[in-house]
Amino acid sequence: MQKLLITGGSGYLGGELVRHALATGQWDVTATYANNWASIDGAHVVQLDVRDQQSVSMLIHAAAPDVILHTAYVQHNPDLWAITAEGAGHVAHAARELGARLIHLSSDALFDGERQGFYTENDPPSPITPYGEAKAGAERLVAERYPAALIVRTSLIYGGTTPSPHEQLVLRALNADTEIAFFTDELRSPVQVGDLASALLELASTNLGGVLHVAGADVVSRYEFACLIARHAGEQAERLRSGSSALSGARRPRNVALDITRAQALLTTRLRGARTVLKDV
């Protein structure tokens, strides 16, 4: 049985990875968390501050994992750079020292979204938001400190046993708890969290390095995605407000559709599109 370390095990993707890995019976799982977390039976749970390079190194050498899946990050936090970018660098440095396989989770948010068509693995980051800059910085640090690492860029994650933050936002909008317009001109490639977890565990057993896009097969607007979520929940999508990102006044990535052709050819895991997963009920 191989040893697997999942950073950010208390997160939405991290928790799904823990459950999937344990269900296979092939992994001895250690998962980290930053704050309070109800642990999952069968996993070793350890608190870790990824900002602390010494703590990261000590934990990784003590756990001695064969594979590390680095999912820990924050999106809105005064320590955004320290956690999301520098933390990834700390993990990469310790992973290389140990000789463990490293898969780092990145994001489509590191592109400016100004192109037509799809972004491929060969497209360099072009961030226009603080979060995008932090994720681009994380990729750079991981590549510098552990060239053999695999960097997986993904998109909006949804569809777990509990609603994701994206699904929660739609449900709050339907319940009039928040006034929000979902943009018709922001395009993403949402991925079901179980599909992504299965793909990552499949990739963990390979030696593939570099950058790989792993996302859903459908490109949908934020508004269409919200409508799919609403209908899947048995709600009336017509109650949702649409809007234009271009007219909002905010500088945001518009089209960050990911080309997943390479991942589809490499993986046996099916990367389903949001329209397939969230069929109307």
Protein backbone atom coordinates (compact mmCIF):
# COMPACT_ATOMS: atom_id res chain seq x y z
CA MET A 1 0.00 0.00 0.00
CA GLN A 2 1.47 3.34 -1.05
CA LYS A 3 1.47 6.42 1.14
CA LEU A 4 -0.51 9.44 -0.04
CA LEU A 5 -0.35 12.94 1.46
CA ILE A 6 -3.20 15.33 0.62
CA THR A 7 -2.67 18.94 1.65
CA GLY A 8 -5.88 20.86 2.20
CA GLY A 9 -7.75 17.68 3.11
CA SER A 10 -10.48 19.74 4.79
CA GLY A 11 -11.29 21.53 1.54
CA TYR A 12 -13.97 20.66 -1.00
CA LEU A 13 -11.64 18.82 -3.37
CA GLY A 14 -9.30 17.63 -0.64
CA GLY A 15 -12.07 15.89 1.27
CA GLU A 16 -13.30 14.18 -1.89
CA LEU A 17 -9.76 13.00 -2.63
CA VAL A 18 -9.47 11.53 0.86
CA ARG A 19 -12.74 9.62 0.45
CA HIS A 20 -11.86 8.38 -3.04
CA ALA A 21 -8.36 7.29 -2.05
CA LEU A 22 -9.60 5.39 1.00
CA ALA A 23 -12.34 3.72 -1.05
CA THR A 24 -9.78 2.22 -3.44
CA GLY A 25 -8.03 0.42 -0.58
CA GLN A 26 -4.73 1.17 -2.28
CA TRP A 27 -3.56 4.16 -0.29
CA ASP A 28 -2.41 4.88 3.25
CA VAL A 29 -3.79 8.42 3.46
CA THR A 30 -2.50 11.38 5.46
CA ALA A 31 -4.48 14.63 5.11
CA THR A 32 -3.63 18.10 6.38
CA TYR A 33 -5.86 20.93 7.51
CA ALA A 34 -5.25 24.53 8.56
CA ASN A 35 -7.97 25.02 11.18
CA ASN A 36 -10.65 22.86 12.79
CA TRP A 37 -11.76 19.83 10.78
CA ALA A 38 -13.85 16.76 11.46
CA SER A 39 -11.53 14.00 10.29
CA ILE A 40 -12.50 11.17 7.97
CA ASP A 41 -12.32 7.63 9.35
CA GLY A 42 -9.32 5.78 8.02
CA ALA A 43 -7.13 8.81 7.31
CA HIS A 44 -4.29 10.21 9.39
CA VAL A 45 -5.08 13.87 10.02
CA VAL A 46 -2.41 16.48 10.75
CA GLN A 47 -2.63 20.25 11.17
CA LEU A 48 -0.27 22.17 8.90
CA ASP A 49 0.49 25.80 8.17
CA VAL A 50 1.90 25.77 4.64
CA ARG A 51 3.34 29.25 5.21
CA ASP A 52 5.91 27.69 7.55
CA GLN A 53 8.62 26.08 5.41
CA GLN A 54 10.17 24.20 8.33
CA SER A 55 6.83 22.72 9.38
CA VAL A 56 6.12 21.65 5.81
CA SER A 57 9.51 19.98 5.50
CA MET A 58 9.21 18.22 8.85
CA LEU A 59 5.74 16.85 8.09
CA ILE A 60 6.60 15.62 4.61
CA HIS A 61 9.76 13.89 5.77
CA ALA A 62 7.96 12.35 8.77
CA ALA A 63 4.99 11.13 6.71
CA ALA A 64 7.33 9.94 3.92
CA PRO A 65 4.60 9.82 1.25
CA ASP A 66 5.09 8.24 -2.14
CA VAL A 67 2.72 10.81 -3.65
CA ILE A 68 1.67 14.31 -2.59
CA LEU A 69 -1.51 15.95 -3.90
CA HIS A 70 -1.21 19.63 -3.07
CA THR A 71 -4.67 21.19 -2.99
CA ALA A 72 -4.25 23.69 -0.12
CA TYR A 73 -4.92 27.31 -1.09
CA VAL A 74 -6.97 30.38 -0.22
CA GLN A 75 -8.74 32.71 -2.63
CA HIS A 76 -9.58 35.73 -0.48
CA ASN A 77 -7.22 36.23 2.46
CA PRO A 78 -4.62 38.76 3.64
CA ASP A 79 -2.12 35.88 3.38
CA LEU A 80 -3.17 34.98 -0.18
CA TRP A 81 0.37 35.05 -1.57
CA ALA A 82 1.99 33.41 1.46
CA ILE A 83 -0.46 30.50 1.50
CA THR A 84 -1.33 29.97 -2.16
CA ALA A 85 1.98 30.80 -3.85
CA GLU A 86 4.77 30.46 -1.28
CA GLY A 87 3.06 27.51 0.40
CA ALA A 88 3.11 25.61 -2.89
CA GLY A 89 6.81 26.37 -3.21
CA HIS A 90 7.48 25.00 0.28
CA VAL A 91 5.66 21.77 -0.56
CA ALA A 92 7.53 21.41 -3.87
CA HIS A 93 10.90 21.93 -2.20
CA ALA A 94 10.24 19.29 0.47
CA ALA A 95 8.74 16.85 -2.07
CA ARG A 96 11.84 17.06 -4.22
CA GLU A 97 14.11 16.55 -1.21
CA LEU A 98 12.19 13.40 -0.30
CA GLY A 99 11.79 12.22 -3.90
CA ALA A 100 8.01 11.97 -3.62
CA ARG A 101 5.77 12.39 -6.65
CA LEU A 102 4.04 15.78 -6.55
CA ILE A 103 0.79 16.83 -8.22
CA HIS A 104 0.01 20.51 -7.71
CA LEU A 105 -3.54 21.83 -8.29
CA SER A 106 -3.73 25.04 -10.26
CA SER A 107 -6.57 27.06 -11.78
CA ASP A 108 -7.98 28.52 -14.98
CA ALA A 109 -8.13 31.83 -13.08
CA LEU A 110 -4.48 32.54 -13.96
CA PHE A 111 -5.47 33.47 -17.54
CA ASP A 112 -6.69 36.93 -18.55
CA GLY A 113 -9.63 35.46 -20.50
CA GLU A 114 -9.21 37.74 -23.50
CA ARG A 115 -8.80 35.07 -26.17
CA GLN A 116 -11.21 33.31 -28.48
CA GLY A 117 -11.39 29.53 -28.18
CA PHE A 118 -9.56 27.37 -25.66
CA TYR A 119 -6.43 27.76 -23.54
CA THR A 120 -3.95 24.90 -23.95
CA GLU A 121 -1.17 23.67 -21.70
CA ASN A 122 1.32 25.67 -23.78
CA ASP A 123 -0.33 29.00 -22.99
CA PRO A 124 1.61 30.97 -20.36
CA PRO A 125 -0.23 32.46 -17.35
CA SER A 126 -1.53 36.00 -17.85
CA PRO A 127 -3.22 36.84 -14.53
CA ILE A 128 -5.30 39.98 -13.99
CA THR A 129 -6.57 39.35 -10.43
CA PRO A 130 -4.73 38.89 -7.11
CA TYR A 131 -5.90 35.27 -6.93
CA GLY A 132 -4.76 34.63 -10.50
CA GLU A 133 -1.38 36.17 -9.70
CA ALA A 134 -1.02 33.91 -6.65
CA LYS A 135 -1.88 30.79 -8.65
CA ALA A 136 0.54 31.82 -11.40
CA GLY A 137 3.20 32.40 -8.75
CA ALA A 138 2.52 28.96 -7.30
CA GLU A 139 3.00 27.33 -10.71
CA ARG A 140 6.28 29.19 -11.18
CA LEU A 141 7.64 28.18 -7.77
CA VAL A 142 6.60 24.54 -8.19
CA ALA A 143 8.20 24.33 -11.64
CA GLU A 144 11.42 25.95 -10.38
CA ARG A 145 11.77 23.85 -7.24
CA TYR A 146 10.54 20.51 -8.61
CA PRO A 147 10.70 20.33 -12.42
CA ALA A 148 9.36 16.74 -12.39
CA ALA A 149 6.12 17.78 -10.67
CA LEU A 150 2.77 17.64 -12.46
CA ILE A 151 0.79 20.89 -12.46
CA VAL A 152 -2.94 20.29 -13.04
CA ARG A 153 -5.04 23.27 -14.06
CA THR A 154 -8.73 22.88 -13.44
CA SER A 155 -11.91 24.97 -13.37
CA LEU A 156 -15.03 25.44 -11.21
CA ILE A 157 -15.52 22.37 -9.00
CA TYR A 158 -19.01 21.18 -8.05
CA GLY A 159 -21.25 18.15 -7.57
CA GLY A 160 -20.10 16.56 -4.31
CA THR A 161 -22.11 15.12 -1.45
CA THR A 162 -22.59 18.68 -0.17
CA PRO A 163 -23.10 21.78 -2.34
CA SER A 164 -19.90 23.48 -3.49
CA PRO A 165 -19.45 27.23 -2.93
CA HIS A 166 -20.60 27.79 -6.53
CA GLU A 167 -23.77 25.78 -5.92
CA GLN A 168 -24.38 27.50 -2.58
CA LEU A 169 -24.23 30.89 -4.28
CA VAL A 170 -26.93 29.85 -6.75
CA LEU A 171 -29.14 28.48 -3.99
CA ARG A 172 -28.75 31.70 -1.98
CA ALA A 173 -29.71 33.71 -5.05
CA LEU A 174 -32.81 31.56 -5.52
CA ASN A 175 -33.76 32.10 -1.89
CA ALA A 176 -33.25 35.86 -2.24
CA ASP A 177 -30.48 35.76 0.36
CA THR A 178 -28.16 37.61 -2.01
CA GLU A 179 -28.56 39.99 -4.96
CA ILE A 180 -26.33 38.70 -7.73
CA ALA A 181 -26.33 38.56 -11.50
CA PHE A 182 -24.70 35.56 -13.16
CA PHE A 183 -22.68 36.63 -16.18
CA THR A 184 -23.52 35.39 -19.66
CA ASP A 185 -20.11 36.40 -21.05
CA GLU A 186 -17.82 34.56 -18.62
CA LEU A 187 -17.01 31.07 -19.90
CA ARG A 188 -15.66 28.22 -17.79
CA SER A 189 -15.19 24.43 -17.95
CA PRO A 190 -16.76 23.21 -14.66
CA VAL A 191 -15.71 19.76 -13.45
CA GLN A 192 -17.58 17.37 -11.18
CA VAL A 193 -15.51 16.89 -8.03
CA GLY A 194 -15.66 13.08 -8.14
CA ASP A 195 -14.45 13.06 -11.76
CA LEU A 196 -11.55 15.34 -10.82
CA ALA A 197 -10.63 13.25 -7.77
CA SER A 198 -10.62 10.05 -9.83
CA ALA A 199 -8.48 11.68 -12.52
CA LEU A 200 -5.95 12.94 -9.97
CA LEU A 201 -5.61 9.53 -8.34
CA GLU A 202 -5.16 7.98 -11.77
CA LEU A 203 -2.44 10.52 -12.53
CA ALA A 204 -0.80 9.78 -9.17
CA SER A 205 0.20 6.37 -10.51
CA THR A 206 1.97 7.85 -13.54
CA ASN A 207 5.26 9.71 -13.98
CA LEU A 208 3.72 12.49 -16.06
CA GLY A 209 5.19 15.93 -15.38
CA GLY A 210 4.68 19.46 -16.68
CA VAL A 211 1.24 21.05 -17.11
CA LEU A 212 -2.04 19.24 -17.79
CA HIS A 213 -5.56 20.66 -18.10
CA VAL A 214 -8.15 18.53 -16.29
CA ALA A 215 -11.65 20.03 -16.40
CA GLY A 216 -15.16 19.33 -17.60
CA ALA A 217 -15.96 18.64 -21.25
CA ASP A 218 -18.57 21.41 -21.58
CA VAL A 219 -17.84 25.12 -21.86
CA VAL A 220 -20.66 27.04 -20.19
CA SER A 221 -21.25 30.60 -19.12
CA ARG A 222 -21.61 31.46 -15.47
CA TYR A 223 -25.31 32.06 -16.14
CA GLU A 224 -25.88 28.74 -17.92
CA PHE A 225 -23.99 26.94 -15.14
CA ALA A 226 -26.21 28.62 -12.54
CA CYS A 227 -29.33 27.62 -14.48
CA LEU A 228 -28.14 24.00 -14.68
CA ILE A 229 -27.55 23.97 -10.92
CA ALA A 230 -30.97 25.48 -10.24
CA ARG A 231 -32.84 22.99 -12.41
CA HIS A 232 -30.87 20.08 -10.98
CA ALA A 233 -32.03 21.22 -7.53
CA GLY A 234 -35.63 21.29 -8.73
CA GLU A 235 -35.79 25.09 -8.81
CA GLN A 236 -36.94 27.50 -11.52
CA ALA A 237 -33.89 28.81 -13.33
CA GLU A 238 -35.96 31.71 -14.68
CA ARG A 239 -35.75 33.30 -11.23
CA LEU A 240 -32.00 33.85 -11.65
CA ARG A 241 -30.70 37.20 -12.88
CA SER A 242 -28.33 37.37 -15.84
CA GLY A 243 -25.79 40.09 -16.46
CA SER A 244 -22.73 41.13 -18.45
CA SER A 245 -19.22 40.90 -17.07
CA ALA A 246 -18.01 43.36 -19.70
CA LEU A 247 -20.53 45.95 -18.48
CA SER A 248 -19.94 45.31 -14.77
CA GLY A 249 -16.94 47.61 -14.52
CA ALA A 250 -14.82 44.88 -12.91
CA ARG A 251 -11.67 43.53 -14.55
CA ARG A 252 -12.30 39.81 -14.61
CA PRO A 253 -11.26 36.91 -16.86
CA ARG A 254 -14.01 36.40 -19.46
CA ASN A 255 -13.26 33.24 -21.47
CA VAL A 256 -11.00 30.79 -19.65
CA ALA A 257 -12.24 27.62 -21.36
CA LEU A 258 -9.63 24.88 -20.99
CA ASP A 259 -8.59 22.50 -23.76
CA ILE A 260 -8.70 19.03 -22.16
CA THR A 261 -7.89 17.05 -25.31
CA ARG A 262 -4.61 15.78 -23.87
CA ALA A 263 -6.16 14.69 -20.57
CA GLN A 264 -8.99 12.89 -22.36
CA ALA A 265 -6.44 10.91 -24.37
CA LEU A 266 -4.36 10.03 -21.30
CA LEU A 267 -7.06 9.17 -18.78
CA THR A 268 -9.55 6.34 -18.44
CA THR A 269 -11.56 8.59 -16.10
CA ARG A 270 -14.36 10.26 -18.03
CA LEU A 271 -14.32 14.04 -17.67
CA ARG A 272 -18.03 14.77 -17.99
CA GLY A 273 -19.44 18.15 -18.91
CA ALA A 274 -21.79 20.14 -16.69
CA ARG A 275 -24.68 19.63 -19.09
CA THR A 276 -24.28 15.86 -18.70
CA VAL A 277 -23.87 15.86 -14.93
CA LEU A 278 -26.58 18.43 -14.19
CA LYS A 279 -29.31 17.13 -16.43
CA ASP A 280 -32.67 18.83 -15.99
CA VAL A 281 -34.94 17.02 -13.54
